[in-house]
Amino acid sequence: MEELRKTLLHEVVRVYGPLQGQGIGAIIIPAFIGDFKKVLEKAENSDEVFEDYMTEDKKMHIVLEGRKSLGAKGVKLEITGCIVNDKRLELTRNHCYV
């Protein structure tokens, strides 16, 4: 999950610049991921779900994709995809679990 945060922060800094991007990223990234975790928890089945997020100034549009699945240790919440401003980010297994 930490790698997903770093990847998203990199995109935020790219859009807003280093100083403003660090501040904005520290607020919106945990908020967006936290909200998406709630969306996944409420999912009724293992179908993939999508949620759109937009910054107030509309400079960043983020789409998180994921699914809830049942594993050997119980329910797993997995982020399966992330699109930032129409650019799909490459996610590895280290990015995925909430």
N, C-alpha and C. Protein backbone atom coordinates (compact mmCIF):
# COMPACT_ATOMS: atom_id res chain seq x y z
N MET A 1 0.82 -1.19 0.00
CA MET A 1 0.00 0.00 0.00
C MET A 1 0.87 1.26 0.00
N GLU A 2 1.99 1.17 0.68
CA GLU A 2 2.88 2.34 0.73
C GLU A 2 3.38 2.71 -0.66
N GLU A 3 3.61 1.70 -1.50
CA GLU A 3 4.06 1.98 -2.86
C GLU A 3 2.97 2.70 -3.66
N LEU A 4 1.71 2.35 -3.45
CA LEU A 4 0.62 3.05 -4.13
C LEU A 4 0.60 4.51 -3.70
N ARG A 5 0.76 4.75 -2.42
CA ARG A 5 0.79 6.13 -1.92
C ARG A 5 1.93 6.92 -2.57
N LYS A 6 3.11 6.30 -2.67
CA LYS A 6 4.26 6.97 -3.28
C LYS A 6 4.02 7.25 -4.76
N THR A 7 3.42 6.29 -5.46
CA THR A 7 3.13 6.46 -6.87
C THR A 7 2.12 7.59 -7.08
N LEU A 8 1.08 7.61 -6.26
CA LEU A 8 0.10 8.69 -6.37
C LEU A 8 0.72 10.04 -6.01
N LEU A 9 1.57 10.07 -4.98
CA LEU A 9 2.22 11.32 -4.60
C LEU A 9 3.08 11.84 -5.74
N HIS A 10 3.78 10.95 -6.43
CA HIS A 10 4.58 11.34 -7.59
C HIS A 10 3.71 12.03 -8.64
N GLU A 11 2.53 11.50 -8.88
CA GLU A 11 1.62 12.10 -9.86
C GLU A 11 1.10 13.46 -9.38
N VAL A 12 0.80 13.57 -8.08
CA VAL A 12 0.33 14.84 -7.52
C VAL A 12 1.42 15.90 -7.65
N VAL A 13 2.65 15.54 -7.32
CA VAL A 13 3.77 16.48 -7.42
C VAL A 13 4.00 16.88 -8.87
N ARG A 14 3.82 15.96 -9.79
CA ARG A 14 3.98 16.26 -11.22
C ARG A 14 2.98 17.32 -11.67
N VAL A 15 1.77 17.27 -11.13
CA VAL A 15 0.72 18.21 -11.53
C VAL A 15 0.87 19.55 -10.80
N TYR A 16 1.14 19.51 -9.50
CA TYR A 16 1.12 20.73 -8.68
C TYR A 16 2.50 21.32 -8.39
N GLY A 17 3.57 20.59 -8.67
CA GLY A 17 4.90 21.06 -8.30
C GLY A 17 5.27 20.52 -6.93
N PRO A 18 6.58 20.59 -6.59
CA PRO A 18 7.05 19.92 -5.37
C PRO A 18 6.47 20.48 -4.07
N LEU A 19 6.42 21.76 -3.90
CA LEU A 19 5.97 22.30 -2.62
C LEU A 19 4.47 22.12 -2.42
N GLN A 20 3.69 22.58 -3.37
CA GLN A 20 2.24 22.46 -3.25
C GLN A 20 1.81 21.00 -3.34
N GLY A 21 2.49 20.22 -4.17
CA GLY A 21 2.14 18.81 -4.35
C GLY A 21 2.31 17.99 -3.09
N GLN A 22 3.38 18.23 -2.34
CA GLN A 22 3.59 17.50 -1.10
C GLN A 22 2.45 17.76 -0.11
N GLY A 23 2.06 19.03 0.02
CA GLY A 23 0.98 19.38 0.95
C GLY A 23 -0.36 18.80 0.53
N ILE A 24 -0.67 18.94 -0.75
CA ILE A 24 -1.95 18.42 -1.26
C ILE A 24 -1.96 16.91 -1.17
N GLY A 25 -0.87 16.27 -1.57
CA GLY A 25 -0.79 14.81 -1.54
C GLY A 25 -0.95 14.23 -0.15
N ALA A 26 -0.38 14.94 0.85
CA ALA A 26 -0.48 14.45 2.23
C ALA A 26 -1.92 14.43 2.73
N ILE A 27 -2.77 15.24 2.12
CA ILE A 27 -4.18 15.31 2.53
C ILE A 27 -5.06 14.40 1.67
N ILE A 28 -4.95 14.54 0.35
CA ILE A 28 -5.93 13.85 -0.50
C ILE A 28 -5.66 12.35 -0.66
N ILE A 29 -4.40 11.94 -0.69
CA ILE A 29 -4.12 10.52 -0.93
C ILE A 29 -4.69 9.63 0.18
N PRO A 30 -4.41 9.91 1.46
CA PRO A 30 -5.02 9.08 2.51
C PRO A 30 -6.55 9.18 2.50
N ALA A 31 -7.08 10.36 2.18
CA ALA A 31 -8.54 10.51 2.15
C ALA A 31 -9.16 9.67 1.04
N PHE A 32 -8.58 9.72 -0.15
CA PHE A 32 -9.12 8.96 -1.28
C PHE A 32 -9.00 7.46 -1.04
N ILE A 33 -7.85 7.00 -0.55
CA ILE A 33 -7.66 5.57 -0.30
C ILE A 33 -8.57 5.10 0.83
N GLY A 34 -8.70 5.92 1.87
CA GLY A 34 -9.59 5.57 2.98
C GLY A 34 -11.03 5.46 2.54
N ASP A 35 -11.46 6.39 1.71
CA ASP A 35 -12.83 6.34 1.20
C ASP A 35 -13.03 5.11 0.31
N PHE A 36 -12.03 4.81 -0.53
CA PHE A 36 -12.16 3.65 -1.42
C PHE A 36 -12.21 2.36 -0.63
N LYS A 37 -11.49 2.31 0.49
CA LYS A 37 -11.55 1.13 1.35
C LYS A 37 -12.98 0.91 1.84
N LYS A 38 -13.67 1.98 2.19
CA LYS A 38 -15.07 1.87 2.63
C LYS A 38 -15.95 1.38 1.49
N VAL A 39 -15.68 1.87 0.28
CA VAL A 39 -16.44 1.42 -0.89
C VAL A 39 -16.26 -0.08 -1.09
N LEU A 40 -15.01 -0.54 -0.97
CA LEU A 40 -14.75 -1.98 -1.13
C LEU A 40 -15.42 -2.80 -0.04
N GLU A 41 -15.37 -2.30 1.19
CA GLU A 41 -16.00 -3.02 2.30
C GLU A 41 -17.50 -3.18 2.10
N LYS A 42 -18.15 -2.21 1.48
CA LYS A 42 -19.59 -2.24 1.26
C LYS A 42 -19.99 -3.06 0.04
N ALA A 43 -19.01 -3.42 -0.80
CA ALA A 43 -19.32 -4.19 -2.00
C ALA A 43 -19.98 -5.50 -1.61
N GLU A 44 -21.02 -5.87 -2.33
CA GLU A 44 -21.80 -7.05 -1.99
C GLU A 44 -21.24 -8.34 -2.58
N ASN A 45 -20.37 -8.22 -3.58
CA ASN A 45 -19.80 -9.43 -4.18
C ASN A 45 -18.37 -9.14 -4.62
N SER A 46 -17.79 -10.05 -5.37
CA SER A 46 -16.39 -9.89 -5.76
C SER A 46 -16.22 -9.23 -7.13
N ASP A 47 -17.29 -8.62 -7.65
CA ASP A 47 -17.16 -7.89 -8.90
C ASP A 47 -16.27 -6.67 -8.69
N GLU A 48 -15.60 -6.26 -9.75
CA GLU A 48 -14.73 -5.09 -9.65
C GLU A 48 -15.58 -3.83 -9.50
N VAL A 49 -15.15 -2.95 -8.61
CA VAL A 49 -15.85 -1.68 -8.38
C VAL A 49 -14.91 -0.55 -8.76
N PHE A 50 -15.51 0.58 -9.12
CA PHE A 50 -14.76 1.77 -9.54
C PHE A 50 -15.26 2.95 -8.73
N GLU A 51 -14.37 3.87 -8.44
CA GLU A 51 -14.77 5.10 -7.77
C GLU A 51 -13.92 6.24 -8.32
N ASP A 52 -14.59 7.34 -8.66
CA ASP A 52 -13.92 8.53 -9.20
C ASP A 52 -13.67 9.54 -8.09
N TYR A 53 -12.51 10.18 -8.16
CA TYR A 53 -12.16 11.24 -7.21
C TYR A 53 -11.61 12.41 -8.01
N MET A 54 -11.92 13.61 -7.56
CA MET A 54 -11.47 14.83 -8.24
C MET A 54 -11.01 15.82 -7.18
N THR A 55 -9.89 16.49 -7.44
CA THR A 55 -9.47 17.55 -6.53
C THR A 55 -10.41 18.74 -6.71
N GLU A 56 -10.46 19.59 -5.70
CA GLU A 56 -11.39 20.73 -5.73
C GLU A 56 -11.16 21.61 -6.95
N ASP A 57 -9.91 21.82 -7.31
CA ASP A 57 -9.61 22.69 -8.46
C ASP A 57 -9.71 21.95 -9.80
N LYS A 58 -10.07 20.69 -9.75
CA LYS A 58 -10.27 19.83 -10.93
C LYS A 58 -9.01 19.60 -11.76
N LYS A 59 -7.85 19.78 -11.15
CA LYS A 59 -6.59 19.52 -11.86
C LYS A 59 -6.26 18.03 -11.90
N MET A 60 -6.81 17.27 -10.94
CA MET A 60 -6.54 15.85 -10.89
C MET A 60 -7.83 15.05 -10.82
N HIS A 61 -7.92 14.08 -11.71
CA HIS A 61 -9.03 13.13 -11.71
C HIS A 61 -8.42 11.75 -11.50
N ILE A 62 -8.82 11.09 -10.42
CA ILE A 62 -8.28 9.78 -10.06
C ILE A 62 -9.41 8.77 -10.04
N VAL A 63 -9.20 7.66 -10.70
CA VAL A 63 -10.15 6.55 -10.68
C VAL A 63 -9.46 5.37 -10.01
N LEU A 64 -10.05 4.89 -8.92
CA LEU A 64 -9.53 3.69 -8.26
C LEU A 64 -10.44 2.52 -8.60
N GLU A 65 -9.83 1.39 -8.88
CA GLU A 65 -10.55 0.17 -9.22
C GLU A 65 -10.13 -0.90 -8.22
N GLY A 66 -11.08 -1.74 -7.83
CA GLY A 66 -10.72 -2.80 -6.90
C GLY A 66 -11.81 -3.82 -6.72
N ARG A 67 -11.52 -4.78 -5.86
CA ARG A 67 -12.50 -5.83 -5.57
C ARG A 67 -12.28 -6.36 -4.17
N LYS A 68 -13.33 -6.92 -3.65
CA LYS A 68 -13.29 -7.60 -2.36
C LYS A 68 -13.32 -9.09 -2.66
N SER A 69 -12.40 -9.83 -2.04
CA SER A 69 -12.38 -11.28 -2.29
C SER A 69 -12.17 -12.00 -0.97
N LEU A 70 -12.50 -13.26 -0.99
CA LEU A 70 -12.36 -14.09 0.20
C LEU A 70 -11.12 -14.95 0.04
N GLY A 71 -10.18 -14.81 0.96
CA GLY A 71 -8.96 -15.59 0.93
C GLY A 71 -8.90 -16.53 2.13
N ALA A 72 -7.79 -17.22 2.28
CA ALA A 72 -7.62 -18.17 3.37
C ALA A 72 -7.69 -17.49 4.74
N LYS A 73 -7.29 -16.22 4.80
CA LYS A 73 -7.30 -15.48 6.06
C LYS A 73 -8.50 -14.56 6.18
N GLY A 74 -9.51 -14.75 5.35
CA GLY A 74 -10.70 -13.91 5.42
C GLY A 74 -10.83 -12.99 4.21
N VAL A 75 -11.53 -11.91 4.41
CA VAL A 75 -11.81 -10.97 3.32
C VAL A 75 -10.56 -10.16 3.00
N LYS A 76 -10.25 -10.04 1.70
CA LYS A 76 -9.14 -9.21 1.23
C LYS A 76 -9.72 -8.07 0.40
N LEU A 77 -9.22 -6.87 0.63
CA LEU A 77 -9.60 -5.71 -0.15
C LEU A 77 -8.41 -5.36 -1.04
N GLU A 78 -8.64 -5.38 -2.34
CA GLU A 78 -7.54 -5.23 -3.29
C GLU A 78 -7.81 -4.10 -4.27
N ILE A 79 -6.85 -3.21 -4.42
CA ILE A 79 -6.92 -2.19 -5.47
C ILE A 79 -6.30 -2.81 -6.71
N THR A 80 -7.09 -2.92 -7.78
CA THR A 80 -6.63 -3.61 -8.98
C THR A 80 -6.20 -2.65 -10.08
N GLY A 81 -6.54 -1.37 -9.94
CA GLY A 81 -6.16 -0.41 -10.96
C GLY A 81 -6.27 1.01 -10.47
N CYS A 82 -5.51 1.89 -11.12
CA CYS A 82 -5.55 3.31 -10.76
C CYS A 82 -5.28 4.11 -12.03
N ILE A 83 -6.14 5.07 -12.30
CA ILE A 83 -6.00 5.95 -13.45
C ILE A 83 -5.92 7.38 -12.92
N VAL A 84 -4.89 8.11 -13.33
CA VAL A 84 -4.71 9.50 -12.92
C VAL A 84 -4.69 10.35 -14.19
N ASN A 85 -5.66 11.26 -14.29
CA ASN A 85 -5.76 12.14 -15.46
C ASN A 85 -5.62 11.35 -16.77
N ASP A 86 -6.41 10.30 -16.89
CA ASP A 86 -6.47 9.44 -18.08
C ASP A 86 -5.20 8.62 -18.33
N LYS A 87 -4.31 8.55 -17.36
CA LYS A 87 -3.09 7.74 -17.49
C LYS A 87 -3.18 6.58 -16.50
N ARG A 88 -3.17 5.36 -17.03
CA ARG A 88 -3.23 4.18 -16.18
C ARG A 88 -1.86 3.94 -15.56
N LEU A 89 -1.84 3.84 -14.22
CA LEU A 89 -0.59 3.58 -13.51
C LEU A 89 -0.32 2.09 -13.45
N GLU A 90 0.95 1.73 -13.54
CA GLU A 90 1.35 0.33 -13.41
C GLU A 90 1.35 -0.03 -11.93
N LEU A 91 0.55 -1.00 -11.55
CA LEU A 91 0.50 -1.45 -10.17
C LEU A 91 1.09 -2.84 -10.05
N THR A 92 1.85 -3.06 -8.98
CA THR A 92 2.38 -4.39 -8.68
C THR A 92 1.62 -4.94 -7.49
N ARG A 93 1.90 -6.14 -7.09
CA ARG A 93 1.26 -6.74 -5.92
C ARG A 93 1.52 -5.92 -4.65
N ASN A 94 2.65 -5.22 -4.61
CA ASN A 94 2.96 -4.40 -3.43
C ASN A 94 2.03 -3.21 -3.30
N HIS A 95 1.40 -2.80 -4.38
CA HIS A 95 0.50 -1.66 -4.36
C HIS A 95 -0.89 -2.02 -3.85
N CYS A 96 -1.27 -3.26 -3.97
CA CYS A 96 -2.67 -3.60 -4.09
C CYS A 96 -3.51 -3.75 -2.85
N TYR A 97 -3.00 -4.22 -1.76
CA TYR A 97 -3.90 -4.57 -0.66
C TYR A 97 -4.11 -3.42 0.30
N VAL A 98 -5.38 -3.18 0.63
CA VAL A 98 -5.75 -2.07 1.51
C VAL A 98 -5.75 -2.56 2.94
